[in-house]
C-alpha atoms as a PDB file:
ATOM      1  CA  MET A   1     -10.444  39.395  57.420  1.00  0.00           C
ATOM      2  CA  ILE A   2      -7.667  36.957  56.486  1.00  0.00           C
ATOM      3  CA  THR A   3      -5.195  38.244  53.896  1.00  0.00           C
ATOM      4  CA  LYS A   4      -4.404  36.350  50.716  1.00  0.00           C
ATOM      5  CA  GLU A   5      -0.909  35.575  52.071  1.00  0.00           C
ATOM      6  CA  LYS A   6      -2.416  34.108  55.249  1.00  0.00           C
ATOM      7  CA  ALA A   7      -4.876  32.093  53.135  1.00  0.00           C
ATOM      8  CA  ILE A   8      -1.964  30.643  51.144  1.00  0.00           C
ATOM      9  CA  SER A   9      -0.221  29.743  54.402  1.00  0.00           C
ATOM     10  CA  ILE A  10      -3.350  27.953  55.682  1.00  0.00           C
ATOM     11  CA  ILE A  11      -3.733  26.020  52.426  1.00  0.00           C
ATOM     12  CA  LYS A  12      -0.053  25.001  52.545  1.00  0.00           C
ATOM     13  CA  GLU A  13      -0.603  23.665  56.073  1.00  0.00           C
ATOM     14  CA  ASN A  14      -3.372  21.501  54.564  1.00  0.00           C
ATOM     15  CA  GLY A  15      -0.962  19.908  52.067  1.00  0.00           C
ATOM     16  CA  GLY A  16      -1.597  22.536  49.390  1.00  0.00           C
ATOM     17  CA  MET A  17      -5.214  21.421  48.990  1.00  0.00           C
ATOM     18  CA  ILE A  18      -8.315  22.574  50.851  1.00  0.00           C
ATOM     19  CA  ARG A  19     -12.045  21.953  50.865  1.00  0.00           C
ATOM     20  CA  PHE A  20     -14.386  24.939  50.755  1.00  0.00           C
ATOM     21  CA  ALA A  21     -15.781  24.086  54.213  1.00  0.00           C
ATOM     22  CA  GLU A  22     -12.248  23.822  55.664  1.00  0.00           C
ATOM     23  CA  ALA A  23     -11.300  27.155  54.132  1.00  0.00           C
ATOM     24  CA  VAL A  24     -14.334  28.955  55.541  1.00  0.00           C
ATOM     25  CA  SER A  25     -13.918  27.376  59.001  1.00  0.00           C
ATOM     26  CA  SER A  26     -10.263  28.528  58.919  1.00  0.00           C
ATOM     27  CA  GLY A  27     -11.443  32.105  58.350  1.00  0.00           C
ATOM     28  CA  ILE A  28     -10.817  32.351  54.597  1.00  0.00           C
ATOM     29  CA  ASN A  29     -13.528  34.405  52.947  1.00  0.00           C
ATOM     30  CA  PRO A  30     -15.247  32.779  49.900  1.00  0.00           C
ATOM     31  CA  THR A  31     -14.500  35.981  47.972  1.00  0.00           C
ATOM     32  CA  THR A  32     -10.780  35.476  48.647  1.00  0.00           C
ATOM     33  CA  LEU A  33     -11.017  31.950  47.204  1.00  0.00           C
ATOM     34  CA  ARG A  34     -12.795  33.250  44.085  1.00  0.00           C
ATOM     35  CA  THR A  35     -10.210  36.006  43.607  1.00  0.00           C
ATOM     36  CA  MET A  36      -7.342  33.537  43.977  1.00  0.00           C
ATOM     37  CA  VAL A  37      -8.918  31.275  41.347  1.00  0.00           C
ATOM     38  CA  GLN A  38      -9.401  34.240  38.973  1.00  0.00           C
ATOM     39  CA  LYS A  39      -5.757  35.255  39.488  1.00  0.00           C
ATOM     40  CA  GLU A  40      -4.686  31.624  38.878  1.00  0.00           C
ATOM     41  CA  GLN A  41      -3.161  31.280  42.331  1.00  0.00           C
ATOM     42  CA  LEU A  42      -5.671  28.534  43.128  1.00  0.00           C
ATOM     43  CA  VAL A  43      -6.972  25.746  40.901  1.00  0.00           C
ATOM     44  CA  LYS A  44     -10.484  24.421  41.380  1.00  0.00           C
ATOM     45  CA  LEU A  45      -9.975  20.647  41.173  1.00  0.00           C
ATOM     46  CA  SER A  46     -13.554  19.624  41.776  1.00  0.00           C
ATOM     47  CA  ARG A  47     -16.693  21.051  43.300  1.00  0.00           C
ATOM     48  CA  GLY A  48     -15.704  22.496  46.670  1.00  0.00           C
ATOM     49  CA  LEU A  49     -12.015  21.522  46.414  1.00  0.00           C
ATOM     50  CA  TYR A  50      -9.078  23.838  45.671  1.00  0.00           C
ATOM     51  CA  ARG A  51      -5.320  23.425  45.259  1.00  0.00           C
ATOM     52  CA  LEU A  52      -2.480  25.925  45.121  1.00  0.00           C
ATOM     53  CA  ALA A  53      -1.431  26.479  41.516  1.00  0.00           C
ATOM     54  CA  ASP A  54       2.297  26.413  42.354  1.00  0.00           C
ATOM     55  CA  ALA A  55       2.136  23.206  44.412  1.00  0.00           C
ATOM     56  CA  ASP A  56       4.295  20.256  43.369  1.00  0.00           C
ATOM     57  CA  PRO A  57       2.867  18.098  40.546  1.00  0.00           C
ATOM     58  CA  MET A  58       0.417  15.501  41.796  1.00  0.00           C
ATOM     59  CA  ILE A  59       1.468  11.828  41.821  1.00  0.00           C
ATOM     60  CA  ASN A  60      -1.987  10.302  42.210  1.00  0.00           C
ATOM     61  CA  SER A  61      -4.522  13.081  41.967  1.00  0.00           C
ATOM     62  CA  ASP A  62      -7.555  10.771  42.020  1.00  0.00           C
ATOM     63  CA  PHE A  63      -6.636   9.256  45.398  1.00  0.00           C
ATOM     64  CA  SER A  64      -5.649  12.533  47.035  1.00  0.00           C
ATOM     65  CA  ILE A  65      -8.761  14.348  45.777  1.00  0.00           C
ATOM     66  CA  ILE A  66     -11.021  11.571  47.064  1.00  0.00           C
ATOM     67  CA  ALA A  67      -9.227  11.451  50.425  1.00  0.00           C
ATOM     68  CA  LYS A  68      -9.567  15.208  50.834  1.00  0.00           C
ATOM     69  CA  LYS A  69     -13.237  15.298  49.869  1.00  0.00           C
ATOM     70  CA  PHE A  70     -14.269  12.132  51.728  1.00  0.00           C
ATOM     71  CA  PRO A  71     -11.835  11.665  54.645  1.00  0.00           C
ATOM     72  CA  ASN A  72     -13.819   8.736  56.093  1.00  0.00           C
ATOM     73  CA  ALA A  73     -13.715   6.674  52.879  1.00  0.00           C
ATOM     74  CA  VAL A  74     -11.065   3.999  52.255  1.00  0.00           C
ATOM     75  CA  ILE A  75      -9.498   3.181  48.871  1.00  0.00           C
ATOM     76  CA  CYS A  76     -10.283  -0.473  48.166  1.00  0.00           C
ATOM     77  CA  LEU A  77     -10.465  -3.382  45.694  1.00  0.00           C
ATOM     78  CA  ASP A  78      -9.203  -2.659  42.133  1.00  0.00           C
ATOM     79  CA  SER A  79      -8.003   0.833  43.081  1.00  0.00           C
ATOM     80  CA  ALA A  80      -5.958  -0.487  46.012  1.00  0.00           C
ATOM     81  CA  LEU A  81      -4.458  -3.099  43.662  1.00  0.00           C
ATOM     82  CA  THR A  82      -3.214  -0.341  41.353  1.00  0.00           C
ATOM     83  CA  TYR A  83      -1.559   1.392  44.317  1.00  0.00           C
ATOM     84  CA  TYR A  84       0.321  -1.814  45.176  1.00  0.00           C
ATOM     85  CA  ASN A  85       1.215  -2.414  41.490  1.00  0.00           C
ATOM     86  CA  ILE A  86      -0.228  -5.911  41.359  1.00  0.00           C
ATOM     87  CA  THR A  87      -2.634  -5.492  38.469  1.00  0.00           C
ATOM     88  CA  ASP A  88      -2.487  -4.433  34.836  1.00  0.00           C
ATOM     89  CA  ILE A  89      -6.062  -3.149  34.964  1.00  0.00           C
ATOM     90  CA  ILE A  90      -6.635   0.576  35.338  1.00  0.00           C
ATOM     91  CA  PRO A  91     -10.079   1.106  36.888  1.00  0.00           C
ATOM     92  CA  SER A  92     -12.288   3.740  35.257  1.00  0.00           C
ATOM     93  CA  GLU A  93     -13.528   4.708  38.727  1.00  0.00           C
ATOM     94  CA  VAL A  94     -11.915   5.028  42.130  1.00  0.00           C
ATOM     95  CA  HIS A  95     -13.240   2.222  44.326  1.00  0.00           C
ATOM     96  CA  ILE A  96     -13.933   3.368  47.868  1.00  0.00           C
ATOM     97  CA  ALA A  97     -15.355   1.609  50.908  1.00  0.00           C
ATOM     98  CA  ILE A  98     -17.678   3.287  53.370  1.00  0.00           C
ATOM     99  CA  ARG A  99     -19.224   1.991  56.572  1.00  0.00           C
ATOM    100  CA  ARG A 100     -22.646   0.428  56.005  1.00  0.00           C
ATOM    101  CA  GLY A 101     -25.375   2.808  57.140  1.00  0.00           C
ATOM    102  CA  THR A 102     -23.486   5.999  56.272  1.00  0.00           C
ATOM    103  CA  ARG A 103     -24.511   8.376  53.503  1.00  0.00           C
ATOM    104  CA  VAL A 104     -23.256   7.475  50.037  1.00  0.00           C
ATOM    105  CA  PRO A 105     -20.968  10.264  48.796  1.00  0.00           C
ATOM    106  CA  LYS A 106     -21.503  11.790  45.366  1.00  0.00           C
ATOM    107  CA  ASN A 107     -18.705  13.196  43.287  1.00  0.00           C
ATOM    108  CA  ASP A 108     -18.331  14.785  39.877  1.00  0.00           C
ATOM    109  CA  TYR A 109     -14.591  14.164  39.452  1.00  0.00           C
ATOM    110  CA  PRO A 110     -12.962  11.721  39.729  1.00  0.00           C
ATOM    111  CA  ARG A 111     -15.701   9.129  39.252  1.00  0.00           C
ATOM    112  CA  ILE A 112     -16.175   6.850  42.245  1.00  0.00           C
ATOM    113  CA  LYS A 113     -17.588   3.373  42.846  1.00  0.00           C
ATOM    114  CA  VAL A 114     -18.886   3.051  46.404  1.00  0.00           C
ATOM    115  CA  HIS A 115     -18.881  -0.235  48.330  1.00  0.00           C
ATOM    116  CA  LYS A 116     -20.627  -0.593  51.688  1.00  0.00           C
ATOM    117  CA  PHE A 117     -18.759  -2.713  54.239  1.00  0.00           C
ATOM    118  CA  SER A 118     -19.966  -3.956  57.629  1.00  0.00           C
ATOM    119  CA  ASP A 119     -18.331  -2.349  60.676  1.00  0.00           C
ATOM    120  CA  ARG A 120     -15.864  -5.212  61.120  1.00  0.00           C
ATOM    121  CA  GLN A 121     -14.986  -5.459  57.426  1.00  0.00           C
ATOM    122  CA  PHE A 122     -14.679  -1.689  57.110  1.00  0.00           C
ATOM    123  CA  SER A 123     -12.409  -1.017  60.083  1.00  0.00           C
ATOM    124  CA  THR A 124      -9.947  -3.887  59.524  1.00  0.00           C
ATOM    125  CA  GLY A 125      -6.707  -3.464  57.573  1.00  0.00           C
ATOM    126  CA  ILE A 126      -6.731   0.313  57.041  1.00  0.00           C
ATOM    127  CA  VAL A 127      -3.356   1.980  56.528  1.00  0.00           C
ATOM    128  CA  THR A 128      -2.646   5.646  55.858  1.00  0.00           C
ATOM    129  CA  LYS A 129      -0.344   6.685  53.012  1.00  0.00           C
ATOM    130  CA  LYS A 130       0.868  10.206  52.307  1.00  0.00           C
ATOM    131  CA  ILE A 131      -0.010  10.961  48.676  1.00  0.00           C
ATOM    132  CA  ASP A 132       0.375  14.480  47.243  1.00  0.00           C
ATOM    133  CA  GLY A 133       0.657  15.830  50.794  1.00  0.00           C
ATOM    134  CA  VAL A 134      -2.684  14.299  51.791  1.00  0.00           C
ATOM    135  CA  ASN A 135      -3.288  11.429  54.225  1.00  0.00           C
ATOM    136  CA  VAL A 136      -5.028   8.760  52.130  1.00  0.00           C
ATOM    137  CA  LYS A 137      -6.739   5.801  53.801  1.00  0.00           C
ATOM    138  CA  ILE A 138      -6.281   2.560  51.891  1.00  0.00           C
ATOM    139  CA  TYR A 139      -6.570  -1.106  52.770  1.00  0.00           C
ATOM    140  CA  ASP A 140      -3.295  -2.966  53.151  1.00  0.00           C
ATOM    141  CA  ILE A 141      -2.424  -5.572  50.549  1.00  0.00           C
ATOM    142  CA  GLU A 142      -3.677  -8.540  52.583  1.00  0.00           C
ATOM    143  CA  LYS A 143      -7.070  -6.952  53.248  1.00  0.00           C
ATOM    144  CA  THR A 144      -7.319  -6.014  49.565  1.00  0.00           C
ATOM    145  CA  ILE A 145      -6.747  -9.638  48.523  1.00  0.00           C
ATOM    146  CA  VAL A 146      -9.377 -10.805  51.037  1.00  0.00           C
ATOM    147  CA  ASP A 147     -11.934  -8.212  49.880  1.00  0.00           C
ATOM    148  CA  LEU A 148     -11.385  -9.112  46.223  1.00  0.00           C
ATOM    149  CA  THR A 149     -11.885 -12.798  47.031  1.00  0.00           C
ATOM    150  CA  ARG A 150     -14.936 -12.069  49.169  1.00  0.00           C
ATOM    151  CA  MET A 151     -16.479 -10.005  46.351  1.00  0.00           C
ATOM    152  CA  ARG A 152     -15.184 -12.173  43.480  1.00  0.00           C
ATOM    153  CA  ARG A 153     -18.587 -12.364  41.753  1.00  0.00           C
ATOM    154  CA  ARG A 154     -18.499  -8.592  41.343  1.00  0.00           C
ATOM    155  CA  THR A 155     -14.793  -8.034  40.790  1.00  0.00           C
ATOM    156  CA  GLY A 156     -14.162 -11.067  38.571  1.00  0.00           C
ATOM    157  CA  LEU A 157     -12.314 -14.284  39.345  1.00  0.00           C
ATOM    158  CA  GLU A 158      -9.444 -13.545  36.944  1.00  0.00           C
ATOM    159  CA  ILE A 159      -8.564 -10.360  38.834  1.00  0.00           C
ATOM    160  CA  VAL A 160      -8.605 -12.332  42.099  1.00  0.00           C
ATOM    161  CA  LYS A 161      -6.330 -15.061  40.723  1.00  0.00           C
ATOM    162  CA  GLN A 162      -3.872 -12.573  39.245  1.00  0.00           C
ATOM    163  CA  ALA A 163      -3.762 -10.638  42.527  1.00  0.00           C
ATOM    164  CA  ILE A 164      -3.115 -13.807  44.547  1.00  0.00           C
ATOM    165  CA  ARG A 165      -0.369 -14.886  42.113  1.00  0.00           C
ATOM    166  CA  GLU A 166       1.354 -11.510  42.413  1.00  0.00           C
ATOM    167  CA  TYR A 167       0.934 -11.529  46.185  1.00  0.00           C
ATOM    168  CA  ILE A 168       2.526 -14.989  46.529  1.00  0.00           C
ATOM    169  CA  SER A 169       5.587 -13.786  44.589  1.00  0.00           C
ATOM    170  CA  ASN A 170       5.926 -10.690  46.792  1.00  0.00           C
ATOM    171  CA  ARG A 171       8.697 -11.095  49.387  1.00  0.00           C
ATOM    172  CA  SER A 172       6.971  -8.804  51.883  1.00  0.00           C
ATOM    173  CA  ARG A 173       3.835 -10.980  51.977  1.00  0.00           C
ATOM    174  CA  ASP A 174       2.354 -11.874  55.359  1.00  0.00           C
ATOM    175  CA  PHE A 175       0.375 -15.107  55.084  1.00  0.00           C
ATOM    176  CA  ARG A 176      -0.564 -15.059  58.779  1.00  0.00           C
ATOM    177  CA  LYS A 177      -2.209 -11.658  58.390  1.00  0.00           C
ATOM    178  CA  LEU A 178      -3.880 -12.775  55.148  1.00  0.00           C
ATOM    179  CA  ILE A 179      -5.425 -15.826  56.852  1.00  0.00           C
ATOM    180  CA  ASP A 180      -6.469 -13.762  59.898  1.00  0.00           C
ATOM    181  CA  TYR A 181      -8.343 -11.349  57.621  1.00  0.00           C
ATOM    182  CA  ALA A 182      -9.862 -14.232  55.649  1.00  0.00           C
ATOM    183  CA  ASN A 183     -11.053 -15.803  58.890  1.00  0.00           C
ATOM    184  CA  LEU A 184     -12.546 -12.501  60.028  1.00  0.00           C
ATOM    185  CA  CYS A 185     -14.406 -12.140  56.718  1.00  0.00           C
ATOM    186  CA  ARG A 186     -15.489 -15.811  56.754  1.00  0.00           C
ATOM    187  CA  ILE A 187     -13.755 -16.825  53.533  1.00  0.00           C
ATOM    188  CA  LYS A 188     -10.778 -18.706  54.971  1.00  0.00           C
ATOM    189  CA  TYR A 189     -11.568 -21.977  53.184  1.00  0.00           C
ATOM    190  CA  ILE A 190     -12.110 -20.311  49.778  1.00  0.00           C
ATOM    191  CA  LEU A 191      -8.983 -18.161  50.000  1.00  0.00           C
ATOM    192  CA  THR A 192      -6.698 -20.940  51.240  1.00  0.00           C
ATOM    193  CA  THR A 193      -7.964 -23.163  48.415  1.00  0.00           C
ATOM    194  CA  TYR A 194      -6.954 -20.533  45.835  1.00  0.00           C
ATOM    195  CA  VAL A 195      -3.586 -19.896  47.508  1.00  0.00           C
ATOM    196  CA  GLU A 196      -2.726 -23.602  47.818  1.00  0.00           C
ATOM    197  CA  ALA A 197      -3.582 -24.162  44.146  1.00  0.00           C
ATOM    198  CA  MET A 198      -1.021 -21.522  43.124  1.00  0.00           C
ATOM    199  CA  ILE A 199       1.883 -22.366  45.421  1.00  0.00           C
END
């Protein structure tokens, strides 16, 4: 049976956060997890997700919790915009993309809004960022702009326009990549029209 010290070491190797299934498959007994929670060495963040109590303060707990619980999901749309600091809106839910045809995840905390993307739309533009010691999948800024434009009836045209304005003023913008993504998602004409109107 794995000692409490060994369990702590395993959890640290996982960025200070671990899912119940990961813990058990690593040899940590469920009773050990319960004891560590009772002794305030572990904090239960959400159903089936634990974090070391003495770990560094979390920078973006919503993103890291989601990434840990649903490693195949990608942060998208409004939530990705907040990561890139190009919106004033703070979404009440974390927007995540999943591949069409996969099971829709359910979560108690934080609240999530699930979007189903086709294979091509889902797999394009994913980058991985280290947040709170966890690898978080998120769409790059260009793919985020394209997705917002593609889904403008749901996300709202004002959000799209503000995002494009902020993107144009960003020195690290990559218009070639933006147009490539727009072409791939079949909205090149719409997106270029918006961009040209703001330049």
